[in-house]
Amino acid sequence: MSAIKKTKTKENQRRKTAKIIQLNIFSPLRQPGNKKLITGLWHIAKAALWNKEEFSEKETAQFKELLSEHFLNDQSAQFNFIELAQRICLVKRYLSRKKGRYVAKPIDWLNINFPMGLTGTSIWLSDVNEIRTKVPDYNKGISTLAKALLKFIESPDIKVFGRYKRILAKQKQYDLLQIFYNTIIHLQYSN
């Protein structure tokens, strides 16, 4: 076999392999454990950023699909959930600090390719984590809320609800407590 044929054969094999990789049949939204976390994350975002908005089932499915793309990395689903929930809380606090601030529509803001959306907040959380190395309790409430909601999603129990309600109240994280309540309501009474 000539060198040209060998090269073409190898190239064809690479193309076939690339096509298989691009199929992405292991979408995070299709994995049962991740589906609950992605749905929970959507409810956190809705409760924090678009609480007064109504979305159709089709839109909600689109938003969940966009959120699932944030889970396509080497981290565990729980790690991604906690990180993304904290980032959503940081945005909520940013919006609350000054009148006139707003967040883009969910279709844009949740898109992994939109740098001014959820993707761009990774730098914000990195800054918080850097400050936490010197001041361990810095913005502790956002990590408490993220862990609370993860626990509640994994086992929706009144004891979990009561425990984290008390912790957030003790930390005087009243804005996050409201997000906690709203998210629990969304989780319990919507799809």
N, C-alpha and C. Protein backbone atom coordinates (compact mmCIF):
# COMPACT_ATOMS: atom_id res chain seq x y z
N MET A 1 0.85 -1.17 0.00
CA MET A 1 0.00 0.00 0.00
C MET A 1 0.90 1.23 0.00
N SER A 2 0.54 2.18 -0.78
CA SER A 2 1.36 3.39 -0.88
C SER A 2 1.14 4.28 0.34
N ALA A 3 2.06 5.22 0.52
CA ALA A 3 1.98 6.16 1.63
C ALA A 3 0.74 7.05 1.52
N ILE A 4 0.34 7.38 0.30
CA ILE A 4 -0.83 8.24 0.09
C ILE A 4 -2.08 7.51 0.55
N LYS A 5 -2.22 6.22 0.22
CA LYS A 5 -3.39 5.46 0.63
C LYS A 5 -3.43 5.30 2.14
N LYS A 6 -2.26 5.06 2.77
CA LYS A 6 -2.21 4.93 4.22
C LYS A 6 -2.66 6.22 4.89
N THR A 7 -2.21 7.34 4.36
CA THR A 7 -2.58 8.64 4.92
C THR A 7 -4.08 8.87 4.79
N LYS A 8 -4.64 8.54 3.62
CA LYS A 8 -6.07 8.71 3.41
C LYS A 8 -6.86 7.80 4.34
N THR A 9 -6.38 6.57 4.54
CA THR A 9 -7.07 5.64 5.43
C THR A 9 -7.05 6.17 6.86
N LYS A 10 -5.91 6.65 7.32
CA LYS A 10 -5.82 7.22 8.67
C LYS A 10 -6.72 8.44 8.80
N GLU A 11 -6.75 9.26 7.76
CA GLU A 11 -7.59 10.46 7.78
C GLU A 11 -9.06 10.08 7.86
N ASN A 12 -9.47 9.08 7.12
CA ASN A 12 -10.85 8.61 7.16
C ASN A 12 -11.21 8.07 8.55
N GLN A 13 -10.25 7.36 9.17
CA GLN A 13 -10.49 6.84 10.52
C GLN A 13 -10.67 8.00 11.51
N ARG A 14 -9.87 9.04 11.39
CA ARG A 14 -9.99 10.21 12.26
C ARG A 14 -11.35 10.88 12.08
N ARG A 15 -11.77 11.01 10.85
CA ARG A 15 -13.08 11.63 10.56
C ARG A 15 -14.20 10.82 11.21
N LYS A 16 -14.14 9.50 11.09
CA LYS A 16 -15.17 8.66 11.69
C LYS A 16 -15.16 8.81 13.21
N THR A 17 -13.99 8.85 13.78
CA THR A 17 -13.87 9.02 15.22
C THR A 17 -14.43 10.37 15.64
N ALA A 18 -14.10 11.40 14.90
CA ALA A 18 -14.58 12.73 15.23
C ALA A 18 -16.10 12.78 15.17
N LYS A 19 -16.70 12.11 14.18
CA LYS A 19 -18.15 12.10 14.07
C LYS A 19 -18.77 11.43 15.28
N ILE A 20 -18.18 10.38 15.77
CA ILE A 20 -18.71 9.69 16.94
C ILE A 20 -18.63 10.60 18.16
N ILE A 21 -17.54 11.29 18.34
CA ILE A 21 -17.38 12.20 19.46
C ILE A 21 -18.40 13.33 19.39
N GLN A 22 -18.68 13.84 18.21
CA GLN A 22 -19.59 14.95 18.05
C GLN A 22 -21.04 14.59 18.32
N LEU A 23 -21.38 13.30 18.31
CA LEU A 23 -22.76 12.90 18.56
C LEU A 23 -23.21 13.28 19.97
N ASN A 24 -22.31 13.23 20.93
CA ASN A 24 -22.58 13.64 22.29
C ASN A 24 -23.86 12.99 22.84
N ILE A 25 -23.92 11.67 22.78
CA ILE A 25 -25.09 10.95 23.26
C ILE A 25 -25.17 10.94 24.79
N PHE A 26 -24.12 11.38 25.43
CA PHE A 26 -24.09 11.39 26.89
C PHE A 26 -24.37 12.79 27.43
N SER A 27 -25.34 13.46 26.88
CA SER A 27 -25.71 14.79 27.34
C SER A 27 -26.05 14.75 28.82
N PRO A 28 -25.58 15.73 29.59
CA PRO A 28 -25.86 15.74 31.03
C PRO A 28 -27.36 15.73 31.33
N LEU A 29 -28.16 16.34 30.47
CA LEU A 29 -29.59 16.40 30.70
C LEU A 29 -30.23 15.02 30.58
N ARG A 30 -29.59 14.11 29.86
CA ARG A 30 -30.14 12.77 29.67
C ARG A 30 -29.73 11.81 30.79
N GLN A 31 -28.81 12.22 31.62
CA GLN A 31 -28.38 11.38 32.74
C GLN A 31 -29.31 11.66 33.92
N PRO A 32 -29.94 10.62 34.49
CA PRO A 32 -30.98 10.81 35.50
C PRO A 32 -30.57 11.68 36.69
N GLY A 33 -29.40 11.47 37.27
CA GLY A 33 -28.97 12.27 38.40
C GLY A 33 -28.75 13.72 38.03
N ASN A 34 -28.18 13.93 36.87
CA ASN A 34 -27.92 15.29 36.41
C ASN A 34 -29.20 16.02 36.07
N LYS A 35 -30.18 15.31 35.59
CA LYS A 35 -31.44 15.95 35.20
C LYS A 35 -32.07 16.67 36.40
N LYS A 36 -32.04 16.02 37.56
CA LYS A 36 -32.57 16.65 38.78
C LYS A 36 -31.77 17.90 39.15
N LEU A 37 -30.44 17.80 39.02
CA LEU A 37 -29.59 18.94 39.38
C LEU A 37 -29.78 20.10 38.40
N ILE A 38 -29.90 19.78 37.13
CA ILE A 38 -30.09 20.83 36.12
C ILE A 38 -31.45 21.49 36.30
N THR A 39 -32.47 20.69 36.58
CA THR A 39 -33.80 21.25 36.86
C THR A 39 -33.73 22.13 38.10
N GLY A 40 -33.04 21.67 39.12
CA GLY A 40 -32.88 22.46 40.34
C GLY A 40 -32.15 23.76 40.08
N LEU A 41 -31.13 23.69 39.27
CA LEU A 41 -30.36 24.89 38.93
C LEU A 41 -31.22 25.89 38.17
N TRP A 42 -32.06 25.38 37.27
CA TRP A 42 -32.97 26.26 36.55
C TRP A 42 -33.90 26.97 37.54
N HIS A 43 -34.40 26.22 38.53
CA HIS A 43 -35.30 26.83 39.51
C HIS A 43 -34.59 27.88 40.38
N ILE A 44 -33.33 27.66 40.66
CA ILE A 44 -32.55 28.68 41.40
C ILE A 44 -32.43 29.94 40.55
N ALA A 45 -32.06 29.76 39.29
CA ALA A 45 -31.91 30.92 38.40
C ALA A 45 -33.23 31.65 38.24
N LYS A 46 -34.31 30.91 38.06
CA LYS A 46 -35.62 31.54 37.91
C LYS A 46 -36.01 32.27 39.18
N ALA A 47 -35.81 31.64 40.32
CA ALA A 47 -36.17 32.26 41.60
C ALA A 47 -35.34 33.52 41.88
N ALA A 48 -34.09 33.49 41.48
CA ALA A 48 -33.20 34.61 41.78
C ALA A 48 -33.28 35.73 40.74
N LEU A 49 -33.41 35.38 39.48
CA LEU A 49 -33.25 36.37 38.42
C LEU A 49 -34.51 36.68 37.63
N TRP A 50 -35.39 35.72 37.50
CA TRP A 50 -36.59 35.93 36.67
C TRP A 50 -37.84 35.47 37.40
N ASN A 51 -37.94 35.78 38.69
CA ASN A 51 -39.01 35.27 39.52
C ASN A 51 -40.40 35.72 39.05
N LYS A 52 -40.48 36.88 38.46
CA LYS A 52 -41.79 37.41 38.04
C LYS A 52 -42.13 37.06 36.60
N GLU A 53 -41.24 36.36 35.93
CA GLU A 53 -41.45 36.00 34.52
C GLU A 53 -42.15 34.64 34.42
N GLU A 54 -42.92 34.49 33.37
CA GLU A 54 -43.55 33.20 33.06
C GLU A 54 -42.91 32.67 31.78
N PHE A 55 -42.58 31.39 31.77
CA PHE A 55 -41.97 30.76 30.61
C PHE A 55 -42.78 29.53 30.22
N SER A 56 -42.85 29.28 28.93
CA SER A 56 -43.56 28.10 28.42
C SER A 56 -42.73 26.85 28.71
N GLU A 57 -43.36 25.70 28.56
CA GLU A 57 -42.64 24.44 28.75
C GLU A 57 -41.51 24.31 27.73
N LYS A 58 -41.76 24.76 26.52
CA LYS A 58 -40.74 24.69 25.46
C LYS A 58 -39.54 25.56 25.83
N GLU A 59 -39.80 26.78 26.30
CA GLU A 59 -38.70 27.67 26.72
C GLU A 59 -37.93 27.07 27.88
N THR A 60 -38.66 26.55 28.85
CA THR A 60 -38.02 25.94 30.02
C THR A 60 -37.12 24.78 29.60
N ALA A 61 -37.58 23.97 28.68
CA ALA A 61 -36.75 22.86 28.18
C ALA A 61 -35.49 23.39 27.50
N GLN A 62 -35.64 24.48 26.75
CA GLN A 62 -34.48 25.10 26.10
C GLN A 62 -33.48 25.60 27.14
N PHE A 63 -33.99 26.24 28.18
CA PHE A 63 -33.12 26.80 29.22
C PHE A 63 -32.38 25.69 29.95
N LYS A 64 -33.06 24.59 30.22
CA LYS A 64 -32.41 23.46 30.88
C LYS A 64 -31.33 22.86 30.00
N GLU A 65 -31.59 22.80 28.70
CA GLU A 65 -30.59 22.28 27.76
C GLU A 65 -29.36 23.19 27.76
N LEU A 66 -29.58 24.51 27.80
CA LEU A 66 -28.46 25.45 27.86
C LEU A 66 -27.67 25.27 29.15
N LEU A 67 -28.37 25.09 30.25
CA LEU A 67 -27.69 24.86 31.53
C LEU A 67 -26.90 23.57 31.51
N SER A 68 -27.43 22.56 30.84
CA SER A 68 -26.73 21.26 30.82
C SER A 68 -25.36 21.36 30.17
N GLU A 69 -25.19 22.31 29.25
CA GLU A 69 -23.90 22.49 28.60
C GLU A 69 -22.82 22.93 29.59
N HIS A 70 -23.22 23.57 30.68
CA HIS A 70 -22.26 23.99 31.70
C HIS A 70 -21.75 22.79 32.51
N PHE A 71 -22.37 21.63 32.33
CA PHE A 71 -21.96 20.42 33.03
C PHE A 71 -21.00 19.57 32.21
N LEU A 72 -20.69 20.01 31.00
CA LEU A 72 -19.81 19.24 30.12
C LEU A 72 -18.34 19.60 30.39
N ASN A 73 -17.87 19.21 31.53
CA ASN A 73 -16.46 19.42 31.88
C ASN A 73 -15.99 18.24 32.72
N ASP A 74 -14.82 18.33 33.26
CA ASP A 74 -14.25 17.21 34.00
C ASP A 74 -14.67 17.18 35.47
N GLN A 75 -15.53 18.08 35.88
CA GLN A 75 -15.96 18.15 37.28
C GLN A 75 -17.18 17.26 37.51
N SER A 76 -17.42 16.92 38.77
CA SER A 76 -18.61 16.14 39.09
C SER A 76 -19.85 17.03 38.96
N ALA A 77 -20.98 16.40 38.79
CA ALA A 77 -22.23 17.14 38.65
C ALA A 77 -22.53 17.97 39.91
N GLN A 78 -22.23 17.41 41.08
CA GLN A 78 -22.47 18.13 42.34
C GLN A 78 -21.58 19.37 42.43
N PHE A 79 -20.32 19.23 42.04
CA PHE A 79 -19.40 20.37 42.05
C PHE A 79 -19.90 21.46 41.12
N ASN A 80 -20.31 21.07 39.90
CA ASN A 80 -20.84 22.04 38.95
C ASN A 80 -22.08 22.73 39.50
N PHE A 81 -22.97 21.97 40.12
CA PHE A 81 -24.19 22.53 40.68
C PHE A 81 -23.86 23.60 41.72
N ILE A 82 -22.99 23.25 42.66
CA ILE A 82 -22.65 24.19 43.74
C ILE A 82 -21.99 25.44 43.17
N GLU A 83 -21.08 25.26 42.24
CA GLU A 83 -20.40 26.41 41.64
C GLU A 83 -21.38 27.31 40.88
N LEU A 84 -22.22 26.73 40.07
CA LEU A 84 -23.16 27.52 39.27
C LEU A 84 -24.20 28.20 40.16
N ALA A 85 -24.65 27.52 41.21
CA ALA A 85 -25.61 28.13 42.13
C ALA A 85 -24.99 29.34 42.83
N GLN A 86 -23.73 29.23 43.22
CA GLN A 86 -23.04 30.37 43.85
C GLN A 86 -22.92 31.54 42.88
N ARG A 87 -22.62 31.24 41.64
CA ARG A 87 -22.48 32.28 40.63
C ARG A 87 -23.80 32.99 40.38
N ILE A 88 -24.89 32.24 40.39
CA ILE A 88 -26.21 32.85 40.23
C ILE A 88 -26.50 33.79 41.40
N CYS A 89 -26.14 33.37 42.60
CA CYS A 89 -26.34 34.22 43.79
C CYS A 89 -25.49 35.49 43.72
N LEU A 90 -24.29 35.37 43.22
CA LEU A 90 -23.45 36.57 43.05
C LEU A 90 -24.09 37.56 42.10
N VAL A 91 -24.69 37.05 41.05
CA VAL A 91 -25.38 37.93 40.09
C VAL A 91 -26.58 38.58 40.75
N LYS A 92 -27.34 37.82 41.51
CA LYS A 92 -28.50 38.38 42.21
C LYS A 92 -28.07 39.52 43.12
N ARG A 93 -27.00 39.33 43.83
CA ARG A 93 -26.52 40.39 44.73
C ARG A 93 -26.00 41.59 43.93
N TYR A 94 -25.37 41.35 42.83
CA TYR A 94 -24.89 42.43 41.96
C TYR A 94 -26.08 43.27 41.48
N LEU A 95 -27.13 42.61 41.06
CA LEU A 95 -28.32 43.32 40.57
C LEU A 95 -28.99 44.12 41.67
N SER A 96 -28.97 43.60 42.89
CA SER A 96 -29.64 44.24 44.01
C SER A 96 -28.91 45.48 44.53
N ARG A 97 -27.62 45.58 44.26
CA ARG A 97 -26.83 46.67 44.81
C ARG A 97 -27.12 48.04 44.20
N LYS A 98 -27.59 48.07 42.96
CA LYS A 98 -27.79 49.36 42.30
C LYS A 98 -29.02 49.28 41.40
N LYS A 99 -29.87 50.26 41.54
CA LYS A 99 -31.08 50.31 40.72
C LYS A 99 -30.70 50.49 39.25
N GLY A 100 -31.44 49.83 38.38
CA GLY A 100 -31.21 49.96 36.95
C GLY A 100 -30.39 48.83 36.35
N ARG A 101 -29.78 48.00 37.18
CA ARG A 101 -29.03 46.87 36.64
C ARG A 101 -30.01 45.77 36.22
N TYR A 102 -29.63 45.04 35.23
CA TYR A 102 -30.50 43.98 34.74
C TYR A 102 -29.67 42.83 34.21
N VAL A 103 -30.35 41.73 34.00
CA VAL A 103 -29.72 40.54 33.44
C VAL A 103 -30.39 40.25 32.10
N ALA A 104 -29.62 39.70 31.18
CA ALA A 104 -30.15 39.38 29.85
C ALA A 104 -31.25 38.33 29.94
N LYS A 105 -31.95 38.14 28.84
CA LYS A 105 -32.97 37.10 28.78
C LYS A 105 -32.31 35.75 29.01
N PRO A 106 -33.04 34.80 29.60
CA PRO A 106 -32.46 33.48 29.89
C PRO A 106 -31.85 32.79 28.67
N ILE A 107 -32.47 32.96 27.51
CA ILE A 107 -31.98 32.29 26.30
C ILE A 107 -30.55 32.73 25.98
N ASP A 108 -30.22 33.96 26.30
CA ASP A 108 -28.86 34.46 26.09
C ASP A 108 -27.99 34.20 27.32
N TRP A 109 -28.49 34.58 28.48
CA TRP A 109 -27.69 34.57 29.70
C TRP A 109 -27.21 33.16 30.06
N LEU A 110 -28.01 32.15 29.79
CA LEU A 110 -27.63 30.78 30.12
C LEU A 110 -26.75 30.12 29.07
N ASN A 111 -26.64 30.73 27.91
CA ASN A 111 -25.85 30.17 26.81
C ASN A 111 -24.37 30.18 27.18
N ILE A 112 -23.75 29.05 27.06
CA ILE A 112 -22.33 28.89 27.43
C ILE A 112 -21.41 29.76 26.57
N ASN A 113 -21.87 30.17 25.41
CA ASN A 113 -21.07 31.00 24.50
C ASN A 113 -21.31 32.50 24.68
N PHE A 114 -22.15 32.89 25.63
CA PHE A 114 -22.45 34.30 25.87
C PHE A 114 -21.57 34.78 27.02
N PRO A 115 -20.52 35.56 26.73
CA PRO A 115 -19.55 35.92 27.77
C PRO A 115 -20.10 36.85 28.85
N MET A 116 -21.21 37.52 28.58
CA MET A 116 -21.79 38.44 29.56
C MET A 116 -22.87 37.75 30.40
N GLY A 117 -22.93 36.44 30.31
CA GLY A 117 -23.94 35.68 31.04
C GLY A 117 -23.32 34.82 32.14
N LEU A 118 -23.91 33.68 32.35
CA LEU A 118 -23.46 32.76 33.40
C LEU A 118 -21.99 32.38 33.21
N THR A 119 -21.56 32.24 31.98
CA THR A 119 -20.17 31.89 31.69
C THR A 119 -19.21 32.94 32.26
N GLY A 120 -19.54 34.19 32.11
CA GLY A 120 -18.68 35.27 32.57
C GLY A 120 -18.56 35.38 34.07
N THR A 121 -19.48 34.75 34.80
CA THR A 121 -19.44 34.85 36.25
C THR A 121 -18.40 33.94 36.90
N SER A 122 -17.75 33.11 36.11
CA SER A 122 -16.72 32.23 36.69
C SER A 122 -15.59 33.06 37.29
N ILE A 123 -15.30 34.18 36.69
CA ILE A 123 -14.26 35.08 37.23
C ILE A 123 -14.70 35.65 38.57
N TRP A 124 -15.98 35.98 38.68
CA TRP A 124 -16.50 36.51 39.94
C TRP A 124 -16.30 35.51 41.07
N LEU A 125 -16.64 34.24 40.81
CA LEU A 125 -16.49 33.23 41.86
C LEU A 125 -15.02 32.96 42.15
N SER A 126 -14.16 33.03 41.15
CA SER A 126 -12.72 32.88 41.39
C SER A 126 -12.21 33.97 42.32
N ASP A 127 -12.68 35.19 42.12
CA ASP A 127 -12.30 36.30 43.01
C ASP A 127 -12.77 36.04 44.43
N VAL A 128 -14.00 35.56 44.58
CA VAL A 128 -14.54 35.25 45.91
C VAL A 128 -13.69 34.16 46.56
N ASN A 129 -13.37 33.12 45.82
CA ASN A 129 -12.58 32.02 46.38
C ASN A 129 -11.17 32.48 46.77
N GLU A 130 -10.62 33.41 46.01
CA GLU A 130 -9.30 33.95 46.35
C GLU A 130 -9.36 34.74 47.66
N ILE A 131 -10.39 35.53 47.83
CA ILE A 131 -10.56 36.28 49.08
C ILE A 131 -10.79 35.33 50.24
N ARG A 132 -11.49 34.23 49.99
CA ARG A 132 -11.77 33.24 51.04
C ARG A 132 -10.49 32.60 51.59
N THR A 133 -9.41 32.61 50.82
CA THR A 133 -8.16 32.06 51.34
C THR A 133 -7.64 32.90 52.50
N LYS A 134 -7.96 34.19 52.48
CA LYS A 134 -7.52 35.09 53.56
C LYS A 134 -8.62 35.34 54.59
N VAL A 135 -9.88 35.36 54.11
CA VAL A 135 -11.03 35.59 54.98
C VAL A 135 -12.00 34.43 54.75
N PRO A 136 -11.87 33.35 55.53
CA PRO A 136 -12.63 32.12 55.25
C PRO A 136 -14.16 32.28 55.18
N ASP A 137 -14.73 33.19 55.95
CA ASP A 137 -16.19 33.33 55.96
C ASP A 137 -16.71 34.34 54.94
N TYR A 138 -15.85 34.82 54.06
CA TYR A 138 -16.26 35.81 53.07
C TYR A 138 -17.33 35.22 52.15
N ASN A 139 -18.45 35.90 52.06
CA ASN A 139 -19.57 35.48 51.21
C ASN A 139 -19.96 34.03 51.46
N LYS A 140 -19.92 33.65 52.74
CA LYS A 140 -20.21 32.27 53.14
C LYS A 140 -21.64 31.86 52.79
N GLY A 141 -22.54 32.82 52.82
CA GLY A 141 -23.95 32.53 52.59
C GLY A 141 -24.22 31.89 51.23
N ILE A 142 -23.48 32.32 50.19
CA ILE A 142 -23.76 31.76 48.87
C ILE A 142 -23.38 30.28 48.79
N SER A 143 -22.30 29.90 49.49
CA SER A 143 -21.94 28.48 49.49
C SER A 143 -22.90 27.69 50.37
N THR A 144 -23.37 28.30 51.46
CA THR A 144 -24.36 27.64 52.31
C THR A 144 -25.64 27.39 51.53
N LEU A 145 -26.10 28.39 50.79
CA LEU A 145 -27.32 28.23 50.00
C LEU A 145 -27.15 27.15 48.94
N ALA A 146 -26.03 27.17 48.24
CA ALA A 146 -25.79 26.18 47.19
C ALA A 146 -25.80 24.76 47.77
N LYS A 147 -25.14 24.57 48.91
CA LYS A 147 -25.12 23.25 49.55
C LYS A 147 -26.51 22.86 50.06
N ALA A 148 -27.24 23.83 50.58
CA ALA A 148 -28.59 23.57 51.08
C ALA A 148 -29.50 23.09 49.96
N LEU A 149 -29.44 23.77 48.85
CA LEU A 149 -30.31 23.39 47.73
C LEU A 149 -29.89 22.05 47.12
N LEU A 150 -28.60 21.79 47.10
CA LEU A 150 -28.13 20.48 46.62
C LEU A 150 -28.67 19.37 47.52
N LYS A 151 -28.56 19.57 48.84
CA LYS A 151 -29.07 18.57 49.79
C LYS A 151 -30.57 18.38 49.62
N PHE A 152 -31.30 19.51 49.45
CA PHE A 152 -32.75 19.41 49.32
C PHE A 152 -33.14 18.70 48.02
N ILE A 153 -32.43 18.97 46.95
CA ILE A 153 -32.73 18.31 45.68
C ILE A 153 -32.45 16.81 45.77
N GLU A 154 -31.36 16.46 46.44
CA GLU A 154 -31.02 15.04 46.57
C GLU A 154 -31.97 14.30 47.50
N SER A 155 -32.45 14.97 48.55
CA SER A 155 -33.44 14.36 49.44
C SER A 155 -34.36 15.45 49.98
N PRO A 156 -35.47 15.68 49.26
CA PRO A 156 -36.40 16.73 49.66
C PRO A 156 -37.11 16.36 50.97
N ASP A 157 -36.60 16.89 52.05
CA ASP A 157 -37.07 16.51 53.37
C ASP A 157 -37.26 17.77 54.21
N ILE A 158 -38.26 17.76 55.07
CA ILE A 158 -38.54 18.92 55.92
C ILE A 158 -37.38 19.19 56.88
N LYS A 159 -36.66 18.15 57.28
CA LYS A 159 -35.52 18.33 58.18
C LYS A 159 -34.40 19.12 57.49
N VAL A 160 -34.14 18.78 56.23
CA VAL A 160 -33.12 19.51 55.45
C VAL A 160 -33.55 20.96 55.30
N PHE A 161 -34.81 21.16 54.96
CA PHE A 161 -35.34 22.51 54.81
C PHE A 161 -35.17 23.31 56.10
N GLY A 162 -35.60 22.73 57.22
CA GLY A 162 -35.53 23.41 58.51
C GLY A 162 -34.11 23.72 58.94
N ARG A 163 -33.22 22.77 58.73
CA ARG A 163 -31.81 22.95 59.13
C ARG A 163 -31.18 24.13 58.39
N TYR A 164 -31.33 24.14 57.08
CA TYR A 164 -30.68 25.21 56.31
C TYR A 164 -31.41 26.54 56.43
N LYS A 165 -32.69 26.50 56.71
CA LYS A 165 -33.43 27.75 56.99
C LYS A 165 -32.83 28.41 58.24
N ARG A 166 -32.59 27.60 59.26
CA ARG A 166 -32.00 28.13 60.50
C ARG A 166 -30.57 28.64 60.27
N ILE A 167 -29.77 27.89 59.50
CA ILE A 167 -28.39 28.29 59.25
C ILE A 167 -28.34 29.63 58.50
N LEU A 168 -29.15 29.76 57.44
CA LEU A 168 -29.15 31.01 56.67
C LEU A 168 -29.65 32.18 57.52
N ALA A 169 -30.65 31.93 58.36
CA ALA A 169 -31.16 32.99 59.24
C ALA A 169 -30.10 33.38 60.27
N LYS A 170 -29.40 32.40 60.81
CA LYS A 170 -28.33 32.67 61.79
C LYS A 170 -27.20 33.48 61.15
N GLN A 171 -26.90 33.20 59.89
CA GLN A 171 -25.87 33.96 59.17
C GLN A 171 -26.39 35.32 58.69
N LYS A 172 -27.67 35.59 58.92
CA LYS A 172 -28.32 36.85 58.50
C LYS A 172 -28.24 37.05 56.99
N GLN A 173 -28.45 35.98 56.28
CA GLN A 173 -28.43 35.99 54.82
C GLN A 173 -29.88 36.03 54.31
N TYR A 174 -30.57 37.12 54.61
CA TYR A 174 -32.01 37.19 54.34
C TYR A 174 -32.33 37.21 52.85
N ASP A 175 -31.47 37.82 52.04
CA ASP A 175 -31.70 37.80 50.59
C ASP A 175 -31.58 36.37 50.05
N LEU A 176 -30.63 35.63 50.58
CA LEU A 176 -30.45 34.24 50.14
C LEU A 176 -31.53 33.33 50.72
N LEU A 177 -32.01 33.67 51.89
CA LEU A 177 -33.11 32.91 52.48
C LEU A 177 -34.35 33.03 51.60
N GLN A 178 -34.58 34.21 51.04
CA GLN A 178 -35.71 34.39 50.13
C GLN A 178 -35.54 33.55 48.86
N ILE A 179 -34.32 33.52 48.33
CA ILE A 179 -34.05 32.67 47.17
C ILE A 179 -34.27 31.20 47.53
N PHE A 180 -33.85 30.82 48.73
CA PHE A 180 -34.05 29.46 49.21
C PHE A 180 -35.54 29.11 49.23
N TYR A 181 -36.35 29.98 49.83
CA TYR A 181 -37.79 29.75 49.89
C TYR A 181 -38.39 29.66 48.48
N ASN A 182 -38.06 30.63 47.64
CA ASN A 182 -38.62 30.65 46.29
C ASN A 182 -38.22 29.42 45.49
N THR A 183 -36.97 29.00 45.62
CA THR A 183 -36.52 27.81 44.90
C THR A 183 -37.24 26.57 45.37
N ILE A 184 -37.41 26.44 46.69
CA ILE A 184 -38.12 25.27 47.24
C ILE A 184 -39.55 25.24 46.70
N ILE A 185 -40.19 26.39 46.66
CA ILE A 185 -41.55 26.45 46.11
C ILE A 185 -41.56 26.02 44.65
N HIS A 186 -40.63 26.55 43.87
CA HIS A 186 -40.54 26.16 42.46
C HIS A 186 -40.28 24.66 42.32
N LEU A 187 -39.41 24.11 43.15
CA LEU A 187 -39.09 22.69 43.07
C LEU A 187 -40.30 21.82 43.43
N GLN A 188 -41.07 22.27 44.40
CA GLN A 188 -42.20 21.48 44.87
C GLN A 188 -43.43 21.56 43.97
N TYR A 189 -43.61 22.72 43.31
CA TYR A 189 -44.89 22.94 42.64
C TYR A 189 -44.80 23.20 41.13
N SER A 190 -43.65 23.02 40.56
CA SER A 190 -43.56 23.17 39.10
C SER A 190 -42.64 22.09 38.56
N ASN A 191 -42.58 21.99 37.24
CA ASN A 191 -41.77 20.92 36.65
C ASN A 191 -40.43 21.41 36.22
